[in-house]
N, C-alpha and C. Protein backbone atom coordinates (compact mmCIF):
# COMPACT_ATOMS: atom_id res chain seq x y z
N UNK A 1 19.57 9.53 3.59
CA UNK A 1 20.31 10.73 4.01
C UNK A 1 19.77 11.21 5.37
N UNK A 2 20.65 11.46 6.25
CA UNK A 2 20.27 11.91 7.61
C UNK A 2 20.03 13.40 7.63
N UNK A 3 19.10 13.84 8.49
CA UNK A 3 18.88 15.32 8.53
C UNK A 3 19.13 15.75 9.99
N UNK A 4 19.38 17.09 10.11
CA UNK A 4 19.39 17.71 11.43
C UNK A 4 17.96 17.76 11.95
N UNK A 5 17.59 17.32 13.01
CA UNK A 5 16.21 17.24 13.52
C UNK A 5 16.00 17.94 14.90
N UNK A 6 17.12 18.26 15.50
CA UNK A 6 16.97 18.83 16.93
C UNK A 6 18.36 19.44 17.31
N UNK A 7 18.35 20.23 18.21
CA UNK A 7 19.63 20.73 18.76
C UNK A 7 19.57 20.78 20.30
N UNK A 8 20.66 20.53 20.96
CA UNK A 8 20.68 20.54 22.41
C UNK A 8 21.64 21.62 22.86
N UNK A 9 21.22 22.39 23.80
CA UNK A 9 22.08 23.47 24.45
C UNK A 9 22.40 22.94 25.86
N UNK A 10 23.65 23.12 26.21
CA UNK A 10 24.13 22.81 27.53
C UNK A 10 24.13 24.02 28.40
N UNK A 11 23.71 23.82 29.61
CA UNK A 11 23.70 25.03 30.53
C UNK A 11 24.06 24.69 31.94
N UNK A 12 24.82 25.50 32.59
CA UNK A 12 25.18 25.36 33.99
C UNK A 12 23.97 25.50 34.88
N UNK A 13 22.99 26.33 34.44
CA UNK A 13 21.77 26.60 35.14
C UNK A 13 20.60 26.52 34.08
N UNK A 14 20.10 25.26 33.89
CA UNK A 14 19.09 25.12 32.86
C UNK A 14 17.81 26.04 32.96
N UNK A 15 17.41 26.31 34.20
CA UNK A 15 16.22 27.27 34.43
C UNK A 15 16.57 28.72 33.98
N UNK A 16 17.73 29.11 34.21
CA UNK A 16 18.20 30.38 33.80
C UNK A 16 18.22 30.49 32.25
N UNK A 17 18.76 29.44 31.68
CA UNK A 17 18.81 29.36 30.15
C UNK A 17 17.40 29.34 29.63
N UNK A 18 16.45 28.65 30.21
CA UNK A 18 15.08 28.58 29.76
C UNK A 18 14.48 30.01 29.73
N UNK A 19 14.66 30.74 30.83
CA UNK A 19 14.13 32.08 30.82
C UNK A 19 14.76 33.03 29.83
N UNK A 20 16.11 32.82 29.56
CA UNK A 20 16.78 33.64 28.55
C UNK A 20 16.21 33.38 27.16
N UNK A 21 16.11 32.11 26.76
CA UNK A 21 15.63 31.88 25.38
C UNK A 21 14.10 32.19 25.24
N UNK A 22 13.25 32.01 26.27
CA UNK A 22 11.89 32.45 26.29
C UNK A 22 11.76 33.97 26.02
N UNK A 23 12.60 34.68 26.79
CA UNK A 23 12.56 36.20 26.64
C UNK A 23 13.22 36.76 25.32
N UNK A 24 14.25 36.07 24.95
CA UNK A 24 14.98 36.55 23.68
C UNK A 24 14.08 36.25 22.44
N UNK A 25 13.68 34.99 22.30
CA UNK A 25 13.07 34.55 21.08
C UNK A 25 11.57 34.30 21.18
N UNK A 26 11.03 34.25 22.40
CA UNK A 26 9.60 34.00 22.56
C UNK A 26 9.23 32.49 22.27
N UNK A 27 10.21 31.63 22.47
CA UNK A 27 9.98 30.27 22.25
C UNK A 27 9.21 29.66 23.40
N UNK A 28 8.36 28.61 23.05
CA UNK A 28 7.72 27.92 24.12
C UNK A 28 8.65 26.77 24.62
N UNK A 29 8.87 26.79 25.92
CA UNK A 29 9.75 25.83 26.46
C UNK A 29 9.12 25.17 27.76
N UNK A 30 9.13 23.87 27.61
CA UNK A 30 8.40 23.03 28.64
C UNK A 30 9.37 21.96 29.15
N UNK A 31 9.21 21.68 30.41
CA UNK A 31 10.02 20.60 31.02
C UNK A 31 9.51 19.22 30.40
N UNK A 32 10.52 18.45 29.93
CA UNK A 32 10.14 17.08 29.48
C UNK A 32 9.73 16.20 30.61
N UNK A 33 8.75 15.30 30.34
CA UNK A 33 8.21 14.47 31.35
C UNK A 33 9.10 13.25 31.57
N UNK A 34 10.14 13.07 30.78
CA UNK A 34 10.93 11.87 30.93
C UNK A 34 12.01 12.01 32.06
N UNK A 35 12.94 11.08 32.08
CA UNK A 35 13.90 11.06 33.19
C UNK A 35 14.92 12.26 33.04
N UNK A 36 15.36 12.70 34.18
CA UNK A 36 16.35 13.81 34.19
C UNK A 36 15.79 15.15 33.91
N UNK A 37 16.55 16.22 34.19
CA UNK A 37 16.09 17.60 33.93
C UNK A 37 16.42 17.98 32.48
N UNK A 38 15.37 18.10 31.74
CA UNK A 38 15.48 18.35 30.26
C UNK A 38 14.32 19.22 29.86
N UNK A 39 14.64 20.20 29.06
CA UNK A 39 13.56 21.19 28.62
C UNK A 39 13.45 21.14 27.19
N UNK A 40 12.25 21.00 26.63
CA UNK A 40 12.03 21.05 25.27
C UNK A 40 11.68 22.38 24.70
N UNK A 41 12.21 22.85 23.67
CA UNK A 41 12.04 24.12 23.10
C UNK A 41 11.31 24.05 21.72
N UNK A 42 10.16 24.67 21.62
CA UNK A 42 9.40 24.74 20.34
C UNK A 42 9.82 26.14 19.78
N UNK A 43 10.52 26.11 18.63
CA UNK A 43 11.05 27.31 18.13
C UNK A 43 10.27 27.93 16.97
N UNK A 44 9.07 27.40 16.67
CA UNK A 44 8.21 27.98 15.67
C UNK A 44 6.97 27.05 15.45
N UNK A 45 6.12 27.51 14.64
CA UNK A 45 4.85 26.81 14.34
C UNK A 45 5.14 25.58 13.44
N UNK A 46 4.43 24.47 13.63
CA UNK A 46 4.55 23.36 12.79
C UNK A 46 4.21 23.82 11.33
N UNK A 47 4.97 23.31 10.42
CA UNK A 47 4.83 23.65 9.08
C UNK A 47 5.80 24.72 8.61
N UNK A 48 6.42 25.38 9.55
CA UNK A 48 7.50 26.35 9.22
C UNK A 48 8.78 25.67 9.14
N UNK A 49 9.74 26.18 8.36
CA UNK A 49 11.04 25.61 8.32
C UNK A 49 11.71 25.79 9.73
N UNK A 50 12.53 24.95 10.10
CA UNK A 50 13.27 24.92 11.35
C UNK A 50 13.17 23.66 12.08
N UNK A 51 13.92 23.65 13.22
CA UNK A 51 13.93 22.44 14.08
C UNK A 51 13.64 22.84 15.57
N UNK A 52 13.37 21.81 16.36
CA UNK A 52 13.12 22.09 17.73
C UNK A 52 14.44 21.96 18.49
N UNK A 53 14.41 22.28 19.79
CA UNK A 53 15.64 22.15 20.59
C UNK A 53 15.42 21.70 22.02
N UNK A 54 16.41 21.66 22.75
CA UNK A 54 16.32 21.29 24.15
C UNK A 54 17.39 21.91 24.93
N UNK A 55 17.19 21.97 26.25
CA UNK A 55 18.22 22.51 27.18
C UNK A 55 18.42 21.39 28.24
N UNK A 56 19.69 21.15 28.49
CA UNK A 56 20.10 20.09 29.51
C UNK A 56 21.19 20.65 30.37
N UNK A 57 21.31 20.09 31.50
CA UNK A 57 22.43 20.44 32.49
C UNK A 57 23.77 20.04 31.70
N UNK A 58 24.73 20.99 31.79
CA UNK A 58 25.97 20.75 31.15
C UNK A 58 26.70 19.51 31.86
N UNK A 59 27.15 18.58 31.00
CA UNK A 59 27.83 17.42 31.45
C UNK A 59 29.37 17.60 31.63
N UNK A 60 29.99 18.24 30.64
CA UNK A 60 31.43 18.48 30.58
C UNK A 60 31.62 20.02 30.41
N UNK A 61 32.70 20.54 30.95
CA UNK A 61 32.91 22.07 30.91
C UNK A 61 32.96 22.51 29.46
N UNK A 62 33.42 21.81 28.49
CA UNK A 62 33.45 22.26 27.08
C UNK A 62 32.14 22.10 26.36
N UNK A 63 31.12 21.59 26.93
CA UNK A 63 29.82 21.41 26.22
C UNK A 63 29.14 22.73 25.94
N UNK A 64 28.68 22.84 24.66
CA UNK A 64 27.84 23.96 24.36
C UNK A 64 26.62 23.64 23.60
N UNK A 65 26.68 23.43 22.29
CA UNK A 65 25.50 23.11 21.47
C UNK A 65 25.84 21.86 20.72
N UNK A 66 24.88 20.91 20.67
CA UNK A 66 25.13 19.69 19.86
C UNK A 66 23.78 19.57 18.93
N UNK A 67 24.13 19.30 17.62
CA UNK A 67 23.11 19.05 16.61
C UNK A 67 22.78 17.55 16.73
N UNK A 68 21.50 17.26 16.61
CA UNK A 68 21.03 15.90 16.69
C UNK A 68 20.58 15.48 15.27
N UNK A 69 21.10 14.36 14.81
CA UNK A 69 20.79 13.91 13.48
C UNK A 69 20.02 12.65 13.53
N UNK A 70 18.98 12.58 12.67
CA UNK A 70 18.03 11.42 12.58
C UNK A 70 18.81 10.33 11.69
N UNK A 71 18.84 9.15 12.25
CA UNK A 71 19.52 7.99 11.51
C UNK A 71 18.61 6.79 11.65
N UNK A 72 18.79 5.84 10.72
CA UNK A 72 17.97 4.65 10.68
C UNK A 72 18.40 3.73 11.82
N UNK A 73 19.73 3.72 12.13
CA UNK A 73 20.26 2.81 13.23
C UNK A 73 21.48 3.56 13.82
N UNK A 74 21.28 3.84 15.18
CA UNK A 74 22.44 4.43 15.87
C UNK A 74 23.59 3.55 15.96
N UNK A 75 23.41 2.26 15.97
CA UNK A 75 24.54 1.36 15.98
C UNK A 75 25.34 1.38 14.73
N UNK A 76 24.73 1.35 13.65
CA UNK A 76 25.42 1.42 12.34
C UNK A 76 26.03 2.81 12.11
N UNK A 77 25.33 3.87 12.49
CA UNK A 77 25.80 5.18 12.31
C UNK A 77 26.99 5.48 13.17
N UNK A 78 26.98 4.96 14.47
CA UNK A 78 28.12 5.15 15.40
C UNK A 78 29.30 4.37 14.85
N UNK A 79 29.12 3.25 14.32
CA UNK A 79 30.28 2.49 13.71
C UNK A 79 30.87 3.28 12.54
N UNK A 80 30.00 3.97 11.73
CA UNK A 80 30.58 4.72 10.68
C UNK A 80 31.36 6.00 11.24
N UNK A 81 30.83 6.59 12.33
CA UNK A 81 31.52 7.63 13.02
C UNK A 81 32.98 7.26 13.32
N UNK A 82 33.10 6.19 13.98
CA UNK A 82 34.41 5.63 14.35
C UNK A 82 35.28 5.26 13.28
N UNK A 83 34.67 4.63 12.20
CA UNK A 83 35.47 4.24 11.07
C UNK A 83 35.99 5.45 10.26
N UNK A 84 35.27 6.64 10.44
CA UNK A 84 35.70 7.87 9.66
C UNK A 84 36.59 8.73 10.54
N UNK A 85 36.97 8.25 11.80
CA UNK A 85 37.89 9.01 12.60
C UNK A 85 37.33 9.80 13.77
N UNK A 86 35.97 9.69 13.90
CA UNK A 86 35.34 10.25 15.00
C UNK A 86 35.37 9.32 16.30
N UNK A 87 34.55 9.69 17.25
CA UNK A 87 34.50 8.80 18.48
C UNK A 87 33.14 8.85 19.09
N UNK A 88 32.79 7.84 19.85
CA UNK A 88 31.57 7.81 20.59
C UNK A 88 31.85 8.40 21.98
N UNK A 89 31.19 9.45 22.30
CA UNK A 89 31.37 10.17 23.55
C UNK A 89 30.54 9.49 24.69
N UNK A 90 29.31 9.26 24.31
CA UNK A 90 28.34 8.53 25.29
C UNK A 90 27.68 7.46 24.64
N UNK A 91 27.61 6.25 25.24
CA UNK A 91 27.12 5.08 24.52
C UNK A 91 25.61 5.23 24.37
N UNK A 92 25.09 4.30 23.54
CA UNK A 92 23.64 4.28 23.26
C UNK A 92 22.81 4.29 24.56
N UNK A 93 21.81 5.26 24.53
CA UNK A 93 20.88 5.27 25.63
C UNK A 93 19.45 5.30 25.17
N UNK A 94 18.57 4.89 25.93
CA UNK A 94 17.15 4.86 25.52
C UNK A 94 16.46 6.11 26.07
N UNK A 95 15.71 6.73 25.18
CA UNK A 95 14.91 7.92 25.55
C UNK A 95 13.42 7.43 25.55
N UNK A 96 12.78 7.11 26.65
CA UNK A 96 11.45 6.50 26.63
C UNK A 96 10.52 7.27 25.75
N UNK A 97 9.85 6.56 24.86
CA UNK A 97 8.86 7.15 23.94
C UNK A 97 9.46 8.02 22.82
N UNK A 98 10.81 8.14 22.75
CA UNK A 98 11.43 8.96 21.75
C UNK A 98 12.26 8.06 20.74
N UNK A 99 13.19 7.26 21.36
CA UNK A 99 14.04 6.45 20.57
C UNK A 99 15.36 6.15 21.25
N UNK A 100 16.48 6.02 20.47
CA UNK A 100 17.76 5.72 21.02
C UNK A 100 18.73 6.77 20.59
N UNK A 101 19.63 7.18 21.45
CA UNK A 101 20.56 8.22 21.24
C UNK A 101 21.99 7.82 21.55
N UNK A 102 22.90 8.37 20.68
CA UNK A 102 24.35 8.09 20.92
C UNK A 102 24.97 9.45 20.72
N UNK A 103 25.80 9.84 21.73
CA UNK A 103 26.57 11.17 21.55
C UNK A 103 27.93 10.80 21.03
N UNK A 104 28.34 11.59 20.02
CA UNK A 104 29.65 11.39 19.35
C UNK A 104 30.45 12.74 19.27
N UNK A 105 31.70 12.53 18.85
CA UNK A 105 32.53 13.63 18.60
C UNK A 105 33.06 13.41 17.12
N UNK A 106 33.12 14.56 16.38
CA UNK A 106 33.66 14.50 15.02
C UNK A 106 35.23 14.62 15.13
N UNK A 107 35.85 14.63 14.01
CA UNK A 107 37.31 14.69 13.93
C UNK A 107 37.87 15.95 14.45
N UNK A 108 36.98 16.98 14.71
CA UNK A 108 37.49 18.26 15.22
C UNK A 108 37.13 18.50 16.67
N UNK A 109 36.53 17.39 17.29
CA UNK A 109 36.11 17.49 18.69
C UNK A 109 34.73 18.10 18.97
N UNK A 110 34.00 18.34 17.96
CA UNK A 110 32.65 18.84 18.07
C UNK A 110 31.68 17.72 18.44
N UNK A 111 30.84 17.96 19.44
CA UNK A 111 29.88 16.96 19.86
C UNK A 111 28.59 17.04 18.97
N UNK A 112 28.09 15.93 18.58
CA UNK A 112 26.79 15.79 17.91
C UNK A 112 26.18 14.53 18.37
N UNK A 113 24.89 14.39 18.09
CA UNK A 113 24.23 13.15 18.54
C UNK A 113 23.49 12.50 17.36
N UNK A 114 23.30 11.21 17.49
CA UNK A 114 22.64 10.33 16.54
C UNK A 114 21.36 9.96 17.23
N UNK A 115 20.26 10.05 16.52
CA UNK A 115 18.85 9.62 17.10
C UNK A 115 18.20 8.75 16.17
N UNK A 116 17.92 7.53 16.67
CA UNK A 116 17.12 6.60 16.02
C UNK A 116 15.71 6.66 16.58
N UNK A 117 14.75 7.31 15.91
CA UNK A 117 13.44 7.46 16.43
C UNK A 117 12.74 6.17 16.66
N UNK A 118 12.08 5.95 17.77
CA UNK A 118 11.24 4.75 18.05
C UNK A 118 10.31 5.13 19.20
N UNK A 119 9.07 5.42 18.78
CA UNK A 119 8.10 5.76 19.76
C UNK A 119 7.79 4.68 20.80
N UNK A 120 8.23 3.42 20.52
CA UNK A 120 8.03 2.32 21.50
C UNK A 120 9.22 2.11 22.39
N UNK A 121 10.28 2.86 22.25
CA UNK A 121 11.43 2.76 23.15
C UNK A 121 11.01 2.93 24.59
N UNK A 122 11.56 1.97 25.40
CA UNK A 122 11.22 2.09 26.82
C UNK A 122 12.43 1.75 27.68
């Protein structure tokens, strides 16, 4: 069974969004060392219920929040998404040191992501 493990917020101005969420919730937010402008949000202490998040530059005008689901294989999960009436929005990409990610849309047009964790991804 797949679990929600992360959420992504889209922002026209990621730095402005970082300051907003820091000030509203007191979250620790640090720029990711990987490619592109991406900010990792720590929303609580380890061992507490909850998930982490991130902030990225908005790709499309309708982008807002996407939940990221942990899967064993992004290829197999993306095939199930399509077979069940959804679509692949962005093809498989490698997140160095994190794993593989595919952005999808459900039957209602909501964006979500599939993540296949792999610390050796390069």
